[in-house]
All heavy atoms as atom14 arrays in JSON, in Angstrom:
{
  "sequence": "YVSTRDSWTSEMFAYITHGKCVPEVTPDPVFAFNQNAAEVLPTK",
  "atom14_mask": [
    [1, 1, 1, 1, 1, 1, 1, 1, 1, 1, 1, 1, 0, 0],
    [1, 1, 1, 1, 1, 1, 1, 0, 0, 0, 0, 0, 0, 0],
    [1, 1, 1, 1, 1, 1, 0, 0, 0, 0, 0, 0, 0, 0],
    [1, 1, 1, 1, 1, 1, 1, 0, 0, 0, 0, 0, 0, 0],
    [1, 1, 1, 1, 1, 1, 1, 1, 1, 1, 1, 0, 0, 0],
    [1, 1, 1, 1, 1, 1, 1, 1, 0, 0, 0, 0, 0, 0],
    [1, 1, 1, 1, 1, 1, 0, 0, 0, 0, 0, 0, 0, 0],
    [1, 1, 1, 1, 1, 1, 1, 1, 1, 1, 1, 1, 1, 1],
    [1, 1, 1, 1, 1, 1, 1, 0, 0, 0, 0, 0, 0, 0],
    [1, 1, 1, 1, 1, 1, 0, 0, 0, 0, 0, 0, 0, 0],
    [1, 1, 1, 1, 1, 1, 1, 1, 1, 0, 0, 0, 0, 0],
    [1, 1, 1, 1, 1, 1, 1, 1, 0, 0, 0, 0, 0, 0],
    [1, 1, 1, 1, 1, 1, 1, 1, 1, 1, 1, 0, 0, 0],
    [1, 1, 1, 1, 1, 0, 0, 0, 0, 0, 0, 0, 0, 0],
    [1, 1, 1, 1, 1, 1, 1, 1, 1, 1, 1, 1, 0, 0],
    [1, 1, 1, 1, 1, 1, 1, 1, 0, 0, 0, 0, 0, 0],
    [1, 1, 1, 1, 1, 1, 1, 0, 0, 0, 0, 0, 0, 0],
    [1, 1, 1, 1, 1, 1, 1, 1, 1, 1, 0, 0, 0, 0],
    [1, 1, 1, 1, 0, 0, 0, 0, 0, 0, 0, 0, 0, 0],
    [1, 1, 1, 1, 1, 1, 1, 1, 1, 0, 0, 0, 0, 0],
    [1, 1, 1, 1, 1, 1, 0, 0, 0, 0, 0, 0, 0, 0],
    [1, 1, 1, 1, 1, 1, 1, 0, 0, 0, 0, 0, 0, 0],
    [1, 1, 1, 1, 1, 1, 1, 0, 0, 0, 0, 0, 0, 0],
    [1, 1, 1, 1, 1, 1, 1, 1, 1, 0, 0, 0, 0, 0],
    [1, 1, 1, 1, 1, 1, 1, 0, 0, 0, 0, 0, 0, 0],
    [1, 1, 1, 1, 1, 1, 1, 0, 0, 0, 0, 0, 0, 0],
    [1, 1, 1, 1, 1, 1, 1, 0, 0, 0, 0, 0, 0, 0],
    [1, 1, 1, 1, 1, 1, 1, 1, 0, 0, 0, 0, 0, 0],
    [1, 1, 1, 1, 1, 1, 1, 0, 0, 0, 0, 0, 0, 0],
    [1, 1, 1, 1, 1, 1, 1, 0, 0, 0, 0, 0, 0, 0],
    [1, 1, 1, 1, 1, 1, 1, 1, 1, 1, 1, 0, 0, 0],
    [1, 1, 1, 1, 1, 0, 0, 0, 0, 0, 0, 0, 0, 0],
    [1, 1, 1, 1, 1, 1, 1, 1, 1, 1, 1, 0, 0, 0],
    [1, 1, 1, 1, 1, 1, 1, 1, 0, 0, 0, 0, 0, 0],
    [1, 1, 1, 1, 1, 1, 1, 1, 1, 0, 0, 0, 0, 0],
    [1, 1, 1, 1, 1, 1, 1, 1, 0, 0, 0, 0, 0, 0],
    [1, 1, 1, 1, 1, 0, 0, 0, 0, 0, 0, 0, 0, 0],
    [1, 1, 1, 1, 1, 0, 0, 0, 0, 0, 0, 0, 0, 0],
    [1, 1, 1, 1, 1, 1, 1, 1, 1, 0, 0, 0, 0, 0],
    [1, 1, 1, 1, 1, 1, 1, 0, 0, 0, 0, 0, 0, 0],
    [1, 1, 1, 1, 1, 1, 1, 1, 0, 0, 0, 0, 0, 0],
    [1, 1, 1, 1, 1, 1, 1, 0, 0, 0, 0, 0, 0, 0],
    [1, 1, 1, 1, 1, 1, 1, 0, 0, 0, 0, 0, 0, 0],
    [1, 1, 1, 1, 1, 1, 1, 1, 1, 0, 0, 0, 0, 0]
  ],
  "atom14_positions": [
    [[15.27, -5.93, -0.41], [14.8, -4.7, -1.07], [13.5, -4.28, -0.39], [12.67, -5.12, -0.05], [14.53, -4.96, -2.57], [13.85, -3.81, -3.28], [14.59, -2.82, -3.91], [12.45, -3.72, -3.32], [13.96, -1.76, -4.55], [11.82, -2.66, -3.96], [12.59, -1.7, -4.57], [11.96, -0.63, -5.2], [0.0, 0.0, 0.0], [0.0, 0.0, 0.0]],
    [[13.32, -2.95, -0.21], [12.1, -2.42, 0.4], [11.67, -1.15, -0.33], [12.48, -0.24, -0.54], [12.29, -2.08, 1.9], [10.97, -1.57, 2.49], [12.8, -3.26, 2.69], [0.0, 0.0, 0.0], [0.0, 0.0, 0.0], [0.0, 0.0, 0.0], [0.0, 0.0, 0.0], [0.0, 0.0, 0.0], [0.0, 0.0, 0.0], [0.0, 0.0, 0.0]],
    [[10.4, -1.1, -0.71], [9.8, 0.16, -1.14], [8.36, 0.19, -0.65], [7.77, -0.85, -0.34], [9.85, 0.32, -2.67], [8.96, -0.57, -3.31], [0.0, 0.0, 0.0], [0.0, 0.0, 0.0], [0.0, 0.0, 0.0], [0.0, 0.0, 0.0], [0.0, 0.0, 0.0], [0.0, 0.0, 0.0], [0.0, 0.0, 0.0], [0.0, 0.0, 0.0]],
    [[7.8, 1.38, -0.56], [6.43, 1.53, -0.08], [5.59, 2.26, -1.12], [6.12, 2.91, -2.02], [6.37, 2.3, 1.25], [6.88, 3.63, 1.04], [7.2, 1.61, 2.33], [0.0, 0.0, 0.0], [0.0, 0.0, 0.0], [0.0, 0.0, 0.0], [0.0, 0.0, 0.0], [0.0, 0.0, 0.0], [0.0, 0.0, 0.0], [0.0, 0.0, 0.0]],
    [[4.28, 2.15, -0.97], [3.37, 2.74, -1.95], [2.97, 4.17, -1.6], [2.41, 4.88, -2.43], [2.12, 1.85, -2.06], [1.27, 2.1, -3.27], [0.2, 1.04, -3.43], [-0.75, 1.03, -2.31], [-1.76, 0.17, -2.2], [-1.94, -0.75, -3.13], [-2.58, 0.21, -1.17], [0.0, 0.0, 0.0], [0.0, 0.0, 0.0], [0.0, 0.0, 0.0]],
    [[3.26, 4.58, -0.37], [2.86, 5.91, 0.08], [3.85, 6.41, 1.11], [4.61, 5.65, 1.72], [1.45, 5.88, 0.66], [1.29, 4.83, 1.75], [1.72, 5.1, 2.88], [0.77, 3.73, 1.47], [0.0, 0.0, 0.0], [0.0, 0.0, 0.0], [0.0, 0.0, 0.0], [0.0, 0.0, 0.0], [0.0, 0.0, 0.0], [0.0, 0.0, 0.0]],
    [[3.85, 7.72, 1.3], [4.82, 8.35, 2.2], [4.55, 7.99, 3.66], [5.48, 7.91, 4.47], [4.8, 9.87, 2.02], [3.48, 10.39, 2.18], [0.0, 0.0, 0.0], [0.0, 0.0, 0.0], [0.0, 0.0, 0.0], [0.0, 0.0, 0.0], [0.0, 0.0, 0.0], [0.0, 0.0, 0.0], [0.0, 0.0, 0.0], [0.0, 0.0, 0.0]],
    [[3.28, 7.76, 4.02], [2.95, 7.39, 5.4], [3.66, 6.09, 5.8], [4.24, 5.99, 6.88], [1.44, 7.23, 5.57], [0.99, 6.87, 6.96], [0.77, 5.63, 7.47], [0.7, 7.78, 8.04], [0.36, 5.69, 8.78], [0.31, 7.0, 9.16], [0.72, 9.17, 8.16], [-0.05, 7.59, 10.37], [0.36, 9.74, 9.37], [-0.02, 8.96, 10.46]],
    [[3.64, 5.1, 4.91], [4.28, 3.82, 5.21], [5.79, 3.95, 5.21], [6.48, 3.31, 6.02], [3.82, 2.75, 4.2], [2.38, 2.73, 4.16], [4.33, 1.37, 4.58], [0.0, 0.0, 0.0], [0.0, 0.0, 0.0], [0.0, 0.0, 0.0], [0.0, 0.0, 0.0], [0.0, 0.0, 0.0], [0.0, 0.0, 0.0], [0.0, 0.0, 0.0]],
    [[6.33, 4.79, 4.34], [7.78, 5.04, 4.36], [8.2, 5.66, 5.68], [9.21, 5.27, 6.29], [8.16, 5.97, 3.2], [9.54, 6.19, 3.17], [0.0, 0.0, 0.0], [0.0, 0.0, 0.0], [0.0, 0.0, 0.0], [0.0, 0.0, 0.0], [0.0, 0.0, 0.0], [0.0, 0.0, 0.0], [0.0, 0.0, 0.0], [0.0, 0.0, 0.0]],
    [[7.41, 6.61, 6.16], [7.7, 7.24, 7.46], [7.56, 6.23, 8.6], [8.31, 6.27, 9.58], [6.76, 8.42, 7.67], [7.04, 9.6, 6.74], [5.9, 10.61, 6.71], [4.97, 10.5, 7.54], [5.93, 11.51, 5.84], [0.0, 0.0, 0.0], [0.0, 0.0, 0.0], [0.0, 0.0, 0.0], [0.0, 0.0, 0.0], [0.0, 0.0, 0.0]],
    [[6.6, 5.32, 8.48], [6.41, 4.27, 9.48], [7.65, 3.38, 9.58], [8.13, 3.08, 10.68], [5.18, 3.42, 9.12], [5.02, 2.15, 9.92], [3.5, 1.27, 9.43], [3.89, -0.4, 9.95], [0.0, 0.0, 0.0], [0.0, 0.0, 0.0], [0.0, 0.0, 0.0], [0.0, 0.0, 0.0], [0.0, 0.0, 0.0], [0.0, 0.0, 0.0]],
    [[8.19, 2.96, 8.43], [9.38, 2.11, 8.45], [10.59, 2.85, 9.01], [11.4, 2.28, 9.74], [9.67, 1.59, 7.03], [8.9, 0.36, 6.67], [7.57, 0.22, 7.03], [9.49, -0.67, 5.97], [6.84, -0.92, 6.71], [8.79, -1.82, 5.64], [7.46, -1.94, 6.01], [0.0, 0.0, 0.0], [0.0, 0.0, 0.0], [0.0, 0.0, 0.0]],
    [[10.72, 4.12, 8.65], [11.83, 4.92, 9.19], [11.72, 5.05, 10.7], [12.72, 4.96, 11.43], [11.83, 6.3, 8.54], [0.0, 0.0, 0.0], [0.0, 0.0, 0.0], [0.0, 0.0, 0.0], [0.0, 0.0, 0.0], [0.0, 0.0, 0.0], [0.0, 0.0, 0.0], [0.0, 0.0, 0.0], [0.0, 0.0, 0.0], [0.0, 0.0, 0.0]],
    [[10.5, 5.22, 11.19], [10.27, 5.35, 12.63], [10.59, 4.05, 13.35], [11.28, 4.05, 14.39], [8.81, 5.74, 12.86], [8.4, 5.91, 14.31], [8.69, 7.09, 15.0], [7.72, 4.9, 14.99], [8.31, 7.25, 16.32], [7.33, 5.05, 16.31], [7.64, 6.22, 16.98], [7.26, 6.37, 18.29], [0.0, 0.0, 0.0], [0.0, 0.0, 0.0]],
    [[10.11, 2.94, 12.81], [10.3, 1.64, 13.46], [11.77, 1.23, 13.49], [12.25, 0.65, 14.47], [9.45, 0.57, 12.75], [7.96, 0.79, 13.06], [9.85, -0.85, 13.17], [7.02, -0.06, 12.24], [0.0, 0.0, 0.0], [0.0, 0.0, 0.0], [0.0, 0.0, 0.0], [0.0, 0.0, 0.0], [0.0, 0.0, 0.0], [0.0, 0.0, 0.0]],
    [[12.49, 1.55, 12.41], [13.9, 1.12, 12.3], [14.88, 2.2, 12.78], [16.09, 2.06, 12.6], [14.25, 0.76, 10.85], [14.13, 1.92, 10.02], [13.34, -0.35, 10.32], [0.0, 0.0, 0.0], [0.0, 0.0, 0.0], [0.0, 0.0, 0.0], [0.0, 0.0, 0.0], [0.0, 0.0, 0.0], [0.0, 0.0, 0.0], [0.0, 0.0, 0.0]],
    [[14.36, 3.27, 13.36], [15.2, 4.37, 13.86], [16.08, 4.93, 12.74], [17.26, 5.24, 12.94], [16.07, 3.9, 15.04], [15.28, 3.3, 16.16], [14.56, 4.06, 17.06], [15.07, 2.0, 16.51], [13.95, 3.26, 17.93], [14.25, 2.01, 17.61], [0.0, 0.0, 0.0], [0.0, 0.0, 0.0], [0.0, 0.0, 0.0], [0.0, 0.0, 0.0]],
    [[15.48, 5.05, 11.55], [16.18, 5.68, 10.44], [17.07, 4.76, 9.62], [17.67, 5.2, 8.63], [0.0, 0.0, 0.0], [0.0, 0.0, 0.0], [0.0, 0.0, 0.0], [0.0, 0.0, 0.0], [0.0, 0.0, 0.0], [0.0, 0.0, 0.0], [0.0, 0.0, 0.0], [0.0, 0.0, 0.0], [0.0, 0.0, 0.0], [0.0, 0.0, 0.0]],
    [[17.15, 3.49, 10.01], [18.03, 2.57, 9.26], [17.43, 2.21, 7.89], [18.15, 1.91, 6.96], [18.27, 1.28, 10.06], [18.99, 1.48, 11.4], [19.44, 0.17, 11.99], [18.31, -0.78, 12.35], [17.46, -0.33, 13.46], [0.0, 0.0, 0.0], [0.0, 0.0, 0.0], [0.0, 0.0, 0.0], [0.0, 0.0, 0.0], [0.0, 0.0, 0.0]],
    [[16.1, 2.21, 7.81], [15.4, 1.88, 6.56], [14.4, 2.99, 6.26], [13.39, 3.13, 6.96], [14.69, 0.53, 6.67], [13.72, 0.08, 5.2], [0.0, 0.0, 0.0], [0.0, 0.0, 0.0], [0.0, 0.0, 0.0], [0.0, 0.0, 0.0], [0.0, 0.0, 0.0], [0.0, 0.0, 0.0], [0.0, 0.0, 0.0], [0.0, 0.0, 0.0]],
    [[14.72, 3.79, 5.24], [13.81, 4.85, 4.79], [13.45, 4.53, 3.34], [14.14, 4.94, 2.41], [14.45, 6.24, 4.9], [13.43, 7.33, 4.53], [15.0, 6.48, 6.31], [0.0, 0.0, 0.0], [0.0, 0.0, 0.0], [0.0, 0.0, 0.0], [0.0, 0.0, 0.0], [0.0, 0.0, 0.0], [0.0, 0.0, 0.0], [0.0, 0.0, 0.0]],
    [[12.39, 3.76, 3.12], [12.12, 3.24, 1.78], [11.73, 4.32, 0.78], [11.11, 5.33, 1.11], [10.94, 2.29, 2.0], [10.91, 2.02, 3.47], [11.44, 3.25, 4.12], [0.0, 0.0, 0.0], [0.0, 0.0, 0.0], [0.0, 0.0, 0.0], [0.0, 0.0, 0.0], [0.0, 0.0, 0.0], [0.0, 0.0, 0.0], [0.0, 0.0, 0.0]],
    [[12.1, 4.07, -0.46], [11.63, 4.88, -1.58], [10.14, 4.61, -1.78], [9.67, 3.49, -1.59], [12.39, 4.52, -2.85], [11.97, 5.29, -4.08], [12.68, 4.82, -5.34], [13.39, 3.79, -5.29], [12.5, 5.48, -6.39], [0.0, 0.0, 0.0], [0.0, 0.0, 0.0], [0.0, 0.0, 0.0], [0.0, 0.0, 0.0], [0.0, 0.0, 0.0]],
    [[9.39, 5.64, -2.15], [7.97, 5.46, -2.48], [7.86, 5.14, -3.96], [8.36, 5.89, -4.81], [7.16, 6.73, -2.13], [5.7, 6.55, -2.53], [7.27, 7.04, -0.64], [0.0, 0.0, 0.0], [0.0, 0.0, 0.0], [0.0, 0.0, 0.0], [0.0, 0.0, 0.0], [0.0, 0.0, 0.0], [0.0, 0.0, 0.0], [0.0, 0.0, 0.0]],
    [[7.24, 4.0, -4.27], [7.19, 3.51, -5.64], [5.74, 3.22, -6.06], [4.86, 3.09, -5.22], [8.03, 2.22, -5.78], [7.62, 1.28, -4.78], [9.52, 2.52, -5.63], [0.0, 0.0, 0.0], [0.0, 0.0, 0.0], [0.0, 0.0, 0.0], [0.0, 0.0, 0.0], [0.0, 0.0, 0.0], [0.0, 0.0, 0.0], [0.0, 0.0, 0.0]],
    [[5.5, 3.09, -7.37], [4.12, 2.98, -7.86], [3.46, 1.65, -7.55], [4.11, 0.61, -7.43], [4.27, 3.13, -9.39], [5.6, 3.79, -9.59], [6.46, 3.29, -8.47], [0.0, 0.0, 0.0], [0.0, 0.0, 0.0], [0.0, 0.0, 0.0], [0.0, 0.0, 0.0], [0.0, 0.0, 0.0], [0.0, 0.0, 0.0], [0.0, 0.0, 0.0]],
    [[2.15, 1.7, -7.45], [1.32, 0.5, -7.46], [1.46, -0.14, -8.85], [1.48, 0.57, -9.87], [-0.13, 0.89, -7.19], [-1.06, -0.3, -7.09], [-1.33, -0.93, -8.14], [-1.53, -0.61, -5.98], [0.0, 0.0, 0.0], [0.0, 0.0, 0.0], [0.0, 0.0, 0.0], [0.0, 0.0, 0.0], [0.0, 0.0, 0.0], [0.0, 0.0, 0.0]],
    [[1.55, -1.48, -8.95], [1.72, -2.12, -10.26], [0.6, -1.87, -11.26], [0.8, -2.08, -12.46], [1.81, -3.61, -9.9], [2.35, -3.62, -8.5], [1.71, -2.43, -7.84], [0.0, 0.0, 0.0], [0.0, 0.0, 0.0], [0.0, 0.0, 0.0], [0.0, 0.0, 0.0], [0.0, 0.0, 0.0], [0.0, 0.0, 0.0], [0.0, 0.0, 0.0]],
    [[-0.57, -1.43, -10.8], [-1.65, -1.11, -11.74], [-1.26, 0.06, -12.63], [-1.77, 0.2, -13.75], [-2.97, -0.86, -10.99], [-4.06, -0.34, -11.94], [-3.46, -2.14, -10.33], [0.0, 0.0, 0.0], [0.0, 0.0, 0.0], [0.0, 0.0, 0.0], [0.0, 0.0, 0.0], [0.0, 0.0, 0.0], [0.0, 0.0, 0.0], [0.0, 0.0, 0.0]],
    [[-0.31, 0.89, -12.2], [0.19, 1.97, -13.04], [0.94, 1.45, -14.26], [1.28, 2.23, -15.15], [1.1, 2.9, -12.24], [0.36, 3.96, -11.45], [0.3, 3.89, -10.07], [-0.26, 5.02, -12.09], [-0.38, 4.86, -9.33], [-0.93, 5.99, -11.37], [-0.99, 5.92, -9.99], [0.0, 0.0, 0.0], [0.0, 0.0, 0.0], [0.0, 0.0, 0.0]],
    [[1.19, 0.15, -14.32], [1.86, -0.46, -15.47], [1.02, -1.57, -16.09], [1.54, -2.38, -16.86], [3.22, -1.01, -15.05], [0.0, 0.0, 0.0], [0.0, 0.0, 0.0], [0.0, 0.0, 0.0], [0.0, 0.0, 0.0], [0.0, 0.0, 0.0], [0.0, 0.0, 0.0], [0.0, 0.0, 0.0], [0.0, 0.0, 0.0], [0.0, 0.0, 0.0]],
    [[-0.27, -1.62, -15.78], [-1.08, -2.75, -16.22], [-1.15, -2.87, -17.73], [-1.05, -3.98, -18.29], [-2.49, -2.69, -15.63], [-3.25, -3.97, -15.82], [-3.17, -4.97, -14.87], [-4.02, -4.2, -16.96], [-3.83, -6.18, -15.04], [-4.69, -5.4, -17.15], [-4.59, -6.4, -16.18], [0.0, 0.0, 0.0], [0.0, 0.0, 0.0], [0.0, 0.0, 0.0]],
    [[-1.35, -1.77, -18.43], [-1.49, -1.84, -19.89], [-0.2, -2.34, -20.54], [-0.24, -3.04, -21.55], [-1.88, -0.48, -20.46], [-3.27, -0.06, -20.01], [-4.06, -0.86, -19.54], [-3.56, 1.23, -20.17], [0.0, 0.0, 0.0], [0.0, 0.0, 0.0], [0.0, 0.0, 0.0], [0.0, 0.0, 0.0], [0.0, 0.0, 0.0], [0.0, 0.0, 0.0]],
    [[0.93, -1.99, -19.97], [2.21, -2.5, -20.46], [2.35, -4.0, -20.18], [2.81, -4.76, -21.03], [3.37, -1.75, -19.78], [4.73, -2.4, -19.97], [5.78, -1.81, -19.05], [6.37, -0.78, -19.36], [6.02, -2.46, -17.91], [0.0, 0.0, 0.0], [0.0, 0.0, 0.0], [0.0, 0.0, 0.0], [0.0, 0.0, 0.0], [0.0, 0.0, 0.0]],
    [[1.93, -4.42, -18.99], [2.21, -5.78, -18.54], [1.17, -6.81, -18.95], [1.5, -7.98, -19.19], [2.33, -5.8, -17.0], [3.53, -5.01, -16.5], [4.45, -4.7, -17.26], [3.53, -4.69, -15.21], [0.0, 0.0, 0.0], [0.0, 0.0, 0.0], [0.0, 0.0, 0.0], [0.0, 0.0, 0.0], [0.0, 0.0, 0.0], [0.0, 0.0, 0.0]],
    [[-0.1, -6.42, -19.01], [-1.14, -7.45, -19.12], [-2.37, -7.03, -19.93], [-3.45, -7.62, -19.77], [-1.58, -7.89, -17.72], [0.0, 0.0, 0.0], [0.0, 0.0, 0.0], [0.0, 0.0, 0.0], [0.0, 0.0, 0.0], [0.0, 0.0, 0.0], [0.0, 0.0, 0.0], [0.0, 0.0, 0.0], [0.0, 0.0, 0.0], [0.0, 0.0, 0.0]],
    [[-2.24, -6.06, -20.81], [-3.41, -5.57, -21.56], [-4.07, -6.65, -22.41], [-5.27, -6.57, -22.7], [-3.01, -4.39, -22.45], [0.0, 0.0, 0.0], [0.0, 0.0, 0.0], [0.0, 0.0, 0.0], [0.0, 0.0, 0.0], [0.0, 0.0, 0.0], [0.0, 0.0, 0.0], [0.0, 0.0, 0.0], [0.0, 0.0, 0.0], [0.0, 0.0, 0.0]],
    [[-3.31, -7.67, -22.76], [-3.86, -8.71, -23.63], [-4.99, -9.51, -22.98], [-5.75, -10.2, -23.67], [-2.74, -9.67, -24.08], [-2.08, -10.46, -22.98], [-0.94, -9.71, -22.29], [-0.73, -8.51, -22.61], [-0.27, -10.33, -21.44], [0.0, 0.0, 0.0], [0.0, 0.0, 0.0], [0.0, 0.0, 0.0], [0.0, 0.0, 0.0], [0.0, 0.0, 0.0]],
    [[-5.13, -9.43, -21.65], [-6.2, -10.2, -20.98], [-7.53, -9.44, -20.97], [-8.55, -10.0, -20.57], [-5.81, -10.55, -19.52], [-4.47, -11.27, -19.47], [-5.8, -9.31, -18.62], [0.0, 0.0, 0.0], [0.0, 0.0, 0.0], [0.0, 0.0, 0.0], [0.0, 0.0, 0.0], [0.0, 0.0, 0.0], [0.0, 0.0, 0.0], [0.0, 0.0, 0.0]],
    [[-7.52, -8.18, -21.39], [-8.72, -7.35, -21.29], [-9.67, -7.61, -22.46], [-9.24, -7.86, -23.58], [-8.32, -5.87, -21.27], [-7.44, -5.43, -20.1], [-6.99, -3.99, -20.3], [-8.18, -5.58, -18.77], [0.0, 0.0, 0.0], [0.0, 0.0, 0.0], [0.0, 0.0, 0.0], [0.0, 0.0, 0.0], [0.0, 0.0, 0.0], [0.0, 0.0, 0.0]],
    [[-10.98, -7.52, -22.21], [-11.95, -7.66, -23.3], [-11.93, -6.44, -24.2], [-11.43, -5.38, -23.82], [-13.29, -7.77, -22.56], [-13.07, -6.99, -21.3], [-11.63, -7.24, -20.92], [0.0, 0.0, 0.0], [0.0, 0.0, 0.0], [0.0, 0.0, 0.0], [0.0, 0.0, 0.0], [0.0, 0.0, 0.0], [0.0, 0.0, 0.0], [0.0, 0.0, 0.0]],
    [[-12.46, -6.57, -25.41], [-12.57, -5.41, -26.29], [-13.65, -4.48, -25.76], [-14.57, -4.9, -25.04], [-12.93, -5.83, -27.71], [-14.25, -6.41, -27.71], [-11.92, -6.84, -28.27], [0.0, 0.0, 0.0], [0.0, 0.0, 0.0], [0.0, 0.0, 0.0], [0.0, 0.0, 0.0], [0.0, 0.0, 0.0], [0.0, 0.0, 0.0], [0.0, 0.0, 0.0]],
    [[-13.54, -3.21, -26.15], [-14.52, -2.22, -25.7], [-15.92, -2.59, -26.18], [-16.89, -2.54, -25.41], [-14.14, -0.84, -26.22], [-15.08, 0.27, -25.76], [-14.61, 1.64, -26.23], [-15.55, 2.73, -25.71], [-15.09, 4.09, -26.13], [0.0, 0.0, 0.0], [0.0, 0.0, 0.0], [0.0, 0.0, 0.0], [0.0, 0.0, 0.0], [0.0, 0.0, 0.0]]
  ]
}
């Protein structure tokens, strides 16, 4: 499985693989931090 965090890196992979791998651009995991790990955070 391959995905990239930005379009520049997706274009890089497409260039290197001659179009065989054009990855989807997907979120950084911090975009899901409150869902995944909010319990580790201190109170305000």
